[in-house]
């Protein structure tokens, strides 16, 4: 817990812990409000999709501005915008009016703010702790995120059933406001000044920095394939569990296994500091394959739940290891731009996977689709370990981490 002794990180972590808790409340509250009011899962999907599309569309501009401006101020502004939009959504629900168009528009604005907030966060964490405490700081950030997954749905359900779902949205708005107040008090370490070049040039420089590190872009390709494969479990899994493993209770058990596993994985990352972080990270991601195999083979729900817990636990264990590797080996003034590409490329295939998993299962069969997804996940994690760049990346911080970002024309894939 050493990073929490630093008042800079303590302010950042406290605000993010509260904000994550609010974020875990909102989807459940929106689902209960919209489905109860309209009876349409399509309406709920429209609102959630508006938020996701806006976040993805503006992620790269968000990364550039998070490198151009003080990251703390970018995050503060994003929190204030999200506090306002969620307060307006909550107020609309409290009045008894559920206008899907209004909610979708507000969700899109919230998603746009997140596109600026997320890349800025990756760049701000190293400025709030000493370098030797960075791995634990990232692990604590992961614990805050994963812990909210345990508490958020219960809080949302309790508020929705007692006071109404609108009050759950107001709770989320309050957490964003508190986070903004704490960010205003934060005094991070200063970064080297970044020349104010044209927007397009800075965006290209970020891409050049990414391409310069083969360990980075090969892992991003693996992450994209991993997320593509995971779509099969998210879309096909509930139908298999309900039809063959014991109904809705079976899928609820599997989902809870994942929630518990995520928290345990984050706790393990706090204690375990591997010498070769990307080897450990990819081996942890490879734990994502067994749940698909067990689900395809018709294993009992408790067995699938345990395997799913290992899958999500592996993801939670990997996340702080990956964040630390990026923060230690990418120049500080380029970190938010590179992080924006990271988010975009890692999740870019997810909409395609969500759309194709169901039709593919109908055409090829459920079991072959699940086995294929398992193979894709295993190959995406283990394949990158064939590269020496990935296996040999250690925890040493390069001396030139704060050097200027190379121009786009100088970027190249590492040999």
Protein backbone atom coordinates (compact mmCIF):
# COMPACT_ATOMS: atom_id res chain seq x y z
CA UNK A 1 0.00 0.00 0.00
CA UNK A 2 3.09 2.27 -0.15
CA UNK A 3 1.79 4.44 -3.06
CA UNK A 4 -1.18 5.51 -0.92
CA UNK A 5 1.26 7.23 1.45
CA UNK A 6 1.94 9.76 -1.30
CA UNK A 7 -0.76 12.45 -1.02
CA UNK A 8 -0.74 12.98 -4.81
CA UNK A 9 -1.61 9.36 -5.58
CA UNK A 10 -3.98 9.17 -2.63
CA UNK A 11 -6.06 12.00 -4.05
CA UNK A 12 -6.08 10.42 -7.52
CA UNK A 13 -6.89 6.93 -6.24
CA UNK A 14 -9.68 8.06 -3.92
CA UNK A 15 -11.39 9.98 -6.68
CA UNK A 16 -11.07 7.12 -9.14
CA UNK A 17 -12.31 4.55 -6.61
CA UNK A 18 -15.48 6.59 -6.07
CA UNK A 19 -15.87 7.23 -9.79
CA UNK A 20 -15.50 3.53 -10.63
CA UNK A 21 -18.17 2.72 -8.06
CA UNK A 22 -20.53 5.16 -9.73
CA UNK A 23 -19.69 3.71 -13.14
CA UNK A 24 -20.61 0.23 -11.90
CA UNK A 25 -23.96 1.53 -10.67
CA UNK A 26 -25.03 3.30 -13.87
CA UNK A 27 -25.42 0.39 -16.37
CA UNK A 28 -27.62 -1.57 -13.97
CA UNK A 29 -29.73 1.46 -13.12
CA UNK A 30 -30.17 2.40 -16.78
CA UNK A 31 -31.09 -1.17 -17.65
CA UNK A 32 -33.75 -1.31 -14.93
CA UNK A 33 -35.14 2.12 -15.85
CA UNK A 34 -35.30 1.70 -19.62
CA UNK A 35 -36.43 -1.92 -19.77
CA UNK A 36 -39.08 -1.29 -17.11
CA UNK A 37 -40.36 1.83 -18.87
CA UNK A 38 -40.26 0.69 -22.49
CA UNK A 39 -39.87 -3.07 -22.26
CA UNK A 40 -37.32 -2.85 -25.08
CA UNK A 41 -33.80 -4.24 -24.93
CA UNK A 42 -33.20 -2.38 -28.20
CA UNK A 43 -33.77 0.95 -26.45
CA UNK A 44 -31.23 0.03 -23.79
CA UNK A 45 -28.78 -1.06 -26.46
CA UNK A 46 -29.23 2.25 -28.28
CA UNK A 47 -28.32 4.26 -25.18
CA UNK A 48 -25.29 2.12 -24.32
CA UNK A 49 -24.15 2.07 -27.96
CA UNK A 50 -24.33 5.87 -28.16
CA UNK A 51 -21.96 6.10 -25.23
CA UNK A 52 -19.54 3.52 -26.64
CA UNK A 53 -19.48 4.93 -30.18
CA UNK A 54 -18.76 8.45 -28.93
CA UNK A 55 -15.93 7.19 -26.73
CA UNK A 56 -14.29 5.21 -29.54
CA UNK A 57 -14.74 7.97 -32.13
CA UNK A 58 -13.03 10.62 -29.99
CA UNK A 59 -10.36 8.47 -28.33
CA UNK A 60 -7.52 9.62 -30.61
CA UNK A 61 -8.32 13.36 -30.33
CA UNK A 62 -8.64 12.82 -26.59
CA UNK A 63 -5.15 11.34 -26.46
CA UNK A 64 -3.64 14.25 -28.38
CA UNK A 65 -5.24 16.88 -26.14
CA UNK A 66 -4.23 14.95 -23.02
CA UNK A 67 -0.61 15.30 -24.19
CA UNK A 68 -1.04 18.94 -25.23
CA UNK A 69 -2.71 20.18 -22.03
CA UNK A 70 -2.09 19.38 -18.34
CA UNK A 71 -3.60 15.91 -17.92
CA UNK A 72 -5.03 16.78 -14.55
CA UNK A 73 -7.08 19.60 -16.11
CA UNK A 74 -8.28 17.37 -18.95
CA UNK A 75 -9.50 14.79 -16.44
CA UNK A 76 -11.10 17.47 -14.25
CA UNK A 77 -13.03 18.91 -17.20
CA UNK A 78 -14.12 15.42 -18.29
CA UNK A 79 -15.35 14.63 -14.78
CA UNK A 80 -17.39 17.84 -14.64
CA UNK A 81 -18.98 17.05 -18.01
CA UNK A 82 -19.83 13.51 -16.91
CA UNK A 83 -21.20 14.77 -13.59
CA UNK A 84 -23.54 17.13 -15.45
CA UNK A 85 -24.73 14.57 -18.02
CA UNK A 86 -25.40 11.88 -15.42
CA UNK A 87 -27.19 14.37 -13.19
CA UNK A 88 -29.44 15.32 -16.12
CA UNK A 89 -30.13 11.65 -16.87
CA UNK A 90 -30.93 11.00 -13.23
CA UNK A 91 -33.24 14.03 -13.04
CA UNK A 92 -35.11 12.88 -16.15
CA UNK A 93 -35.64 9.42 -14.68
CA UNK A 94 -36.78 10.87 -11.32
CA UNK A 95 -39.45 12.94 -13.05
CA UNK A 96 -40.81 9.75 -14.57
CA UNK A 97 -39.91 10.67 -18.13
CA UNK A 98 -37.90 8.14 -20.09
CA UNK A 99 -37.05 9.69 -23.44
CA UNK A 100 -34.63 7.30 -25.14
CA UNK A 101 -33.40 9.98 -27.55
CA UNK A 102 -32.55 12.33 -24.67
CA UNK A 103 -30.79 9.58 -22.72
CA UNK A 104 -28.84 8.46 -25.80
CA UNK A 105 -27.68 12.03 -26.48
CA UNK A 106 -26.58 12.52 -22.87
CA UNK A 107 -24.86 9.13 -22.89
CA UNK A 108 -22.98 10.14 -26.05
CA UNK A 109 -21.72 13.32 -24.36
CA UNK A 110 -20.62 11.25 -21.37
CA UNK A 111 -18.82 8.82 -23.68
CA UNK A 112 -17.09 11.72 -25.43
CA UNK A 113 -15.80 12.98 -22.07
CA UNK A 114 -14.51 9.49 -21.27
CA UNK A 115 -12.52 9.53 -24.52
CA UNK A 116 -10.49 12.43 -23.10
CA UNK A 117 -10.38 11.10 -19.56
CA UNK A 118 -9.03 7.59 -20.16
CA UNK A 119 -5.82 8.45 -22.08
CA UNK A 120 -5.11 11.24 -19.61
CA UNK A 121 -5.36 8.82 -16.68
CA UNK A 122 -2.69 6.53 -18.10
CA UNK A 123 -0.34 9.48 -18.42
CA UNK A 124 -1.12 10.99 -15.01
CA UNK A 125 -0.50 7.99 -12.75
CA UNK A 126 3.32 8.04 -13.21
CA UNK A 127 3.33 11.72 -12.23
CA UNK A 128 1.79 10.95 -8.82
CA UNK A 129 4.22 8.28 -7.52
CA UNK A 130 7.94 7.60 -7.45
CA UNK A 131 9.06 5.22 -10.26
CA UNK A 132 9.74 2.29 -7.91
CA UNK A 133 6.13 2.43 -6.69
CA UNK A 134 4.52 2.52 -10.14
CA UNK A 135 3.64 -1.24 -10.36
CA UNK A 136 1.80 -1.13 -7.04
CA UNK A 137 0.09 2.11 -7.98
CA UNK A 138 -1.31 0.51 -11.13
CA UNK A 139 -2.36 -2.56 -9.14
CA UNK A 140 -4.21 -0.34 -6.67
CA UNK A 141 -5.96 1.44 -9.54
CA UNK A 142 -7.02 -1.99 -10.83
CA UNK A 143 -8.29 -3.00 -7.38
CA UNK A 144 -10.43 0.14 -7.28
CA UNK A 145 -11.93 -0.71 -10.66
CA UNK A 146 -12.48 -4.40 -9.94
CA UNK A 147 -13.78 -3.83 -6.43
CA UNK A 148 -16.48 -1.58 -7.81
CA UNK A 149 -17.70 -4.53 -9.89
CA UNK A 150 -18.48 -6.36 -6.67
CA UNK A 151 -20.34 -3.49 -4.99
CA UNK A 152 -21.87 -1.49 -7.84
CA UNK A 153 -24.63 -3.82 -9.10
CA UNK A 154 -25.93 -4.42 -5.56
CA UNK A 155 -26.00 -0.69 -4.78
CA UNK A 156 -27.75 0.04 -8.08
CA UNK A 157 -30.39 -2.62 -7.51
CA UNK A 158 -31.05 -1.48 -3.93
CA UNK A 159 -31.40 2.17 -4.97
CA UNK A 160 -33.55 1.31 -7.99
CA UNK A 161 -35.95 -0.80 -5.93
CA UNK A 162 -36.21 1.65 -3.02
CA UNK A 163 -35.70 5.22 -4.22
CA UNK A 164 -35.76 4.66 -8.00
CA UNK A 165 -33.08 4.25 -10.70
CA UNK A 166 -32.78 8.01 -11.20
CA UNK A 167 -31.20 8.33 -7.76
CA UNK A 168 -28.57 5.79 -8.77
CA UNK A 169 -27.63 8.08 -11.70
CA UNK A 170 -27.43 11.03 -9.30
CA UNK A 171 -25.07 8.97 -7.11
CA UNK A 172 -22.84 8.45 -10.13
CA UNK A 173 -22.95 12.18 -10.88
CA UNK A 174 -21.91 12.90 -7.29
CA UNK A 175 -18.91 10.55 -7.58
CA UNK A 176 -17.73 12.41 -10.70
CA UNK A 177 -18.09 15.72 -8.86
CA UNK A 178 -16.06 14.46 -5.90
CA UNK A 179 -13.40 13.15 -8.27
CA UNK A 180 -13.21 16.59 -9.91
CA UNK A 181 -12.74 18.28 -6.51
CA UNK A 182 -9.93 15.88 -5.61
CA UNK A 183 -8.26 16.38 -9.01
CA UNK A 184 -8.36 20.14 -8.45
CA UNK A 185 -6.31 19.64 -5.28
CA UNK A 186 -3.78 17.36 -6.98
CA UNK A 187 -0.26 18.67 -7.65
CA UNK A 188 1.41 16.12 -9.96
CA UNK A 189 5.08 16.13 -10.90
CA UNK A 190 5.78 18.46 -13.85
CA UNK A 191 6.41 17.00 -17.31
CA UNK A 192 8.83 18.24 -19.97
CA UNK A 193 7.18 20.88 -22.21
CA UNK A 194 5.77 19.56 -25.48
CA UNK A 195 6.11 21.80 -28.56
CA UNK A 196 2.70 22.89 -29.84
CA UNK A 197 2.78 21.28 -33.25
CA UNK A 198 -0.17 20.79 -35.55
CA UNK A 199 -2.83 18.38 -34.34
CA UNK A 200 -2.31 15.95 -37.23
CA UNK A 201 1.45 15.95 -36.71
CA UNK A 202 1.10 15.12 -33.03
CA UNK A 203 -1.33 12.33 -33.87
CA UNK A 204 1.14 10.94 -36.40
CA UNK A 205 3.98 11.21 -33.89
CA UNK A 206 1.99 9.10 -31.44
CA UNK A 207 1.49 6.42 -34.10
CA UNK A 208 5.19 6.52 -34.94
CA UNK A 209 6.08 6.03 -31.28
CA UNK A 210 3.77 3.02 -31.09
CA UNK A 211 5.23 1.42 -34.23
CA UNK A 212 8.76 1.93 -32.93
CA UNK A 213 8.22 -0.72 -30.23
CA UNK A 214 7.55 -4.18 -31.66
CA UNK A 215 6.68 -5.55 -28.22
CA UNK A 216 3.94 -2.93 -28.05
CA UNK A 217 2.14 -3.30 -31.36
CA UNK A 218 2.35 -7.10 -31.39
CA UNK A 219 0.73 -7.23 -27.96
CA UNK A 220 -1.96 -4.81 -29.13
CA UNK A 221 -2.73 -7.19 -32.01
CA UNK A 222 -2.99 -9.99 -29.46
CA UNK A 223 -5.28 -7.94 -27.24
CA UNK A 224 -7.55 -7.17 -30.19
CA UNK A 225 -7.85 -10.88 -31.05
CA UNK A 226 -8.40 -11.77 -27.39
CA UNK A 227 -11.28 -9.30 -27.17
CA UNK A 228 -12.66 -10.59 -30.47
CA UNK A 229 -12.68 -14.14 -29.11
CA UNK A 230 -14.25 -13.05 -25.82
CA UNK A 231 -17.29 -11.81 -27.73
CA UNK A 232 -18.33 -15.42 -28.31
CA UNK A 233 -18.62 -16.03 -24.58
CA UNK A 234 -20.50 -12.80 -23.96
CA UNK A 235 -23.06 -13.41 -26.72
CA UNK A 236 -23.32 -17.22 -26.90
CA UNK A 237 -22.56 -18.05 -23.27
CA UNK A 238 -25.85 -16.91 -21.73
CA UNK A 239 -27.91 -18.92 -24.24
CA UNK A 240 -25.87 -22.08 -23.62
CA UNK A 241 -26.07 -21.67 -19.84
CA UNK A 242 -29.81 -21.04 -19.82
CA UNK A 243 -30.60 -23.89 -22.24
CA UNK A 244 -28.22 -26.58 -20.99
CA UNK A 245 -26.66 -25.73 -17.63
CA UNK A 246 -29.62 -24.88 -15.41
CA UNK A 247 -31.33 -21.70 -16.57
CA UNK A 248 -30.77 -18.08 -15.62
CA UNK A 249 -29.28 -19.10 -12.26
CA UNK A 250 -26.46 -20.91 -14.05
CA UNK A 251 -25.44 -17.84 -16.03
CA UNK A 252 -25.71 -15.69 -12.91
CA UNK A 253 -23.34 -18.08 -11.16
CA UNK A 254 -20.87 -17.89 -14.07
CA UNK A 255 -21.03 -14.08 -14.12
CA UNK A 256 -20.43 -13.87 -10.38
CA UNK A 257 -17.47 -16.19 -10.77
CA UNK A 258 -15.97 -13.66 -13.15
CA UNK A 259 -16.60 -10.77 -10.75
CA UNK A 260 -14.91 -12.57 -7.85
CA UNK A 261 -12.03 -13.64 -10.08
CA UNK A 262 -11.44 -10.07 -11.25
CA UNK A 263 -11.01 -8.81 -7.71
CA UNK A 264 -8.69 -11.69 -6.78
CA UNK A 265 -6.58 -11.10 -9.90
CA UNK A 266 -6.17 -7.42 -9.03
CA UNK A 267 -5.12 -8.32 -5.49
CA UNK A 268 -2.56 -10.80 -6.83
CA UNK A 269 -1.09 -8.10 -9.08
CA UNK A 270 -0.50 -5.98 -5.98
CA UNK A 271 1.69 -8.69 -4.43
CA UNK A 272 3.39 -10.26 -7.45
CA UNK A 273 6.10 -8.37 -9.37
CA UNK A 274 7.47 -10.62 -12.15
CA UNK A 275 10.87 -9.97 -13.69
CA UNK A 276 9.39 -10.46 -17.15
CA UNK A 277 6.02 -8.71 -16.92
CA UNK A 278 4.80 -9.36 -20.48
CA UNK A 279 5.47 -13.09 -20.17
CA UNK A 280 3.41 -13.21 -16.99
CA UNK A 281 0.73 -10.97 -18.52
CA UNK A 282 0.26 -13.13 -21.62
CA UNK A 283 0.25 -16.37 -19.66
CA UNK A 284 -2.48 -14.85 -17.47
CA UNK A 285 -4.50 -13.89 -20.56
CA UNK A 286 -4.17 -17.47 -21.85
CA UNK A 287 -6.41 -18.51 -18.93
CA UNK A 288 -9.21 -17.10 -21.07
CA UNK A 289 -9.35 -20.24 -23.23
CA UNK A 290 -10.59 -22.92 -20.74
CA UNK A 291 -14.09 -21.43 -20.11
CA UNK A 292 -14.92 -21.72 -23.83
CA UNK A 293 -13.81 -25.35 -23.94
CA UNK A 294 -15.74 -26.26 -20.79
CA UNK A 295 -18.87 -24.46 -21.98
CA UNK A 296 -18.70 -26.22 -25.35
CA UNK A 297 -18.20 -29.58 -23.63
CA UNK A 298 -21.26 -29.08 -21.40
CA UNK A 299 -19.36 -28.93 -18.10
CA UNK A 300 -21.44 -28.15 -14.98
CA UNK A 301 -22.10 -24.49 -14.26
CA UNK A 302 -19.89 -24.35 -11.10
CA UNK A 303 -16.93 -25.66 -13.12
CA UNK A 304 -17.51 -23.09 -15.88
CA UNK A 305 -17.90 -20.38 -13.22
CA UNK A 306 -14.54 -21.29 -11.68
CA UNK A 307 -12.88 -21.24 -15.10
CA UNK A 308 -14.49 -17.92 -15.94
CA UNK A 309 -13.20 -16.58 -12.64
CA UNK A 310 -9.69 -17.55 -13.74
CA UNK A 311 -10.25 -15.90 -17.12
CA UNK A 312 -11.37 -12.55 -15.73
CA UNK A 313 -8.83 -12.84 -12.92
CA UNK A 314 -6.11 -13.27 -15.50
CA UNK A 315 -7.32 -10.14 -17.28
CA UNK A 316 -7.32 -8.18 -14.01
CA UNK A 317 -3.81 -9.46 -13.22
CA UNK A 318 -2.56 -8.53 -16.70
CA UNK A 319 -3.89 -4.97 -16.74
CA UNK A 320 -1.54 -3.34 -14.19
CA UNK A 321 1.45 -5.24 -15.59
CA UNK A 322 0.66 -3.90 -19.05
CA UNK A 323 0.01 -0.36 -17.82
CA UNK A 324 3.31 -0.32 -15.95
CA UNK A 325 5.27 -1.62 -18.96
CA UNK A 326 3.77 1.08 -21.17
CA UNK A 327 4.34 3.86 -18.65
CA UNK A 328 7.96 2.83 -18.11
CA UNK A 329 8.97 2.41 -21.75
CA UNK A 330 6.99 5.09 -23.62
CA UNK A 331 8.14 8.75 -23.38
CA UNK A 332 6.08 10.59 -20.80
CA UNK A 333 4.97 13.38 -23.14
CA UNK A 334 3.64 10.86 -25.70
CA UNK A 335 1.95 8.56 -23.22
CA UNK A 336 -1.63 9.73 -23.63
CA UNK A 337 -1.52 9.65 -27.45
CA UNK A 338 -0.05 6.14 -27.46
CA UNK A 339 -2.58 5.07 -24.82
CA UNK A 340 -5.41 6.34 -27.02
CA UNK A 341 -4.21 4.12 -29.87
CA UNK A 342 -3.97 1.30 -27.32
CA UNK A 343 -7.63 1.66 -26.32
CA UNK A 344 -8.78 2.03 -29.91
CA UNK A 345 -6.87 -0.93 -31.35
CA UNK A 346 -7.47 -3.27 -28.42
CA UNK A 347 -11.24 -2.80 -28.60
CA UNK A 348 -11.59 -2.11 -32.32
CA UNK A 349 -12.73 -5.62 -33.26
CA UNK A 350 -15.21 -5.95 -30.41
CA UNK A 351 -18.27 -4.57 -32.27
CA UNK A 352 -17.51 -6.97 -35.15
CA UNK A 353 -17.25 -9.88 -32.74
CA UNK A 354 -20.51 -8.99 -31.05
CA UNK A 355 -22.28 -8.83 -34.41
CA UNK A 356 -20.83 -12.04 -35.89
CA UNK A 357 -20.72 -14.45 -32.94
CA UNK A 358 -24.42 -15.29 -33.04
CA UNK A 359 -24.71 -15.81 -36.82
CA UNK A 360 -21.47 -17.83 -36.80
CA UNK A 361 -22.81 -20.11 -34.09
CA UNK A 362 -26.03 -20.57 -36.04
CA UNK A 363 -24.14 -21.45 -39.22
CA UNK A 364 -21.25 -23.54 -37.87
CA UNK A 365 -22.69 -24.73 -34.58
CA UNK A 366 -22.32 -23.49 -31.03
CA UNK A 367 -19.60 -25.92 -29.92
CA UNK A 368 -17.31 -25.34 -32.96
CA UNK A 369 -17.65 -21.59 -32.51
CA UNK A 370 -16.69 -21.82 -28.84
CA UNK A 371 -13.76 -24.14 -29.59
CA UNK A 372 -12.61 -21.76 -32.32
CA UNK A 373 -12.79 -18.79 -29.95
CA UNK A 374 -10.74 -20.73 -27.39
CA UNK A 375 -8.08 -21.42 -30.00
CA UNK A 376 -8.03 -17.77 -31.06
CA UNK A 377 -7.57 -16.59 -27.48
CA UNK A 378 -4.80 -19.10 -26.75
CA UNK A 379 -2.98 -18.28 -29.99
CA UNK A 380 -3.23 -14.52 -29.45
CA UNK A 381 -1.59 -14.77 -26.03
CA UNK A 382 1.00 -17.48 -26.57
CA UNK A 383 1.96 -16.46 -30.11
CA UNK A 384 3.48 -13.14 -29.04
CA UNK A 385 5.73 -14.96 -26.57
CA UNK A 386 7.69 -16.28 -29.55
CA UNK A 387 9.14 -12.78 -29.97
CA UNK A 388 12.32 -12.01 -27.98
CA UNK A 389 11.17 -8.37 -27.65
CA UNK A 390 8.19 -9.54 -25.60
CA UNK A 391 9.98 -12.20 -23.57
CA UNK A 392 12.94 -10.02 -22.64
CA UNK A 393 11.16 -6.77 -21.77
CA UNK A 394 12.03 -6.12 -18.13
CA UNK A 395 11.18 -3.55 -15.52
CA UNK A 396 14.12 -1.26 -16.19
CA UNK A 397 13.09 2.31 -16.99
CA UNK A 398 14.93 3.62 -20.08
CA UNK A 399 17.03 6.76 -19.61
CA UNK A 400 15.35 8.39 -22.61
CA UNK A 401 11.80 7.91 -21.41
CA UNK A 402 11.20 11.64 -21.41
CA UNK A 403 12.94 12.25 -24.73
CA UNK A 404 11.08 13.93 -27.55
CA UNK A 405 8.75 11.83 -29.62
CA UNK A 406 10.22 11.06 -33.04
CA UNK A 407 8.57 12.58 -36.06
CA UNK A 408 6.13 10.37 -37.91
CA UNK A 409 8.58 9.95 -40.80
CA UNK A 410 11.16 8.49 -38.41
CA UNK A 411 8.83 5.85 -36.94
CA UNK A 412 9.44 2.23 -37.83
CA UNK A 413 8.76 -1.24 -36.50
CA UNK A 414 11.59 -2.48 -34.34
CA UNK A 415 13.75 -5.07 -36.00
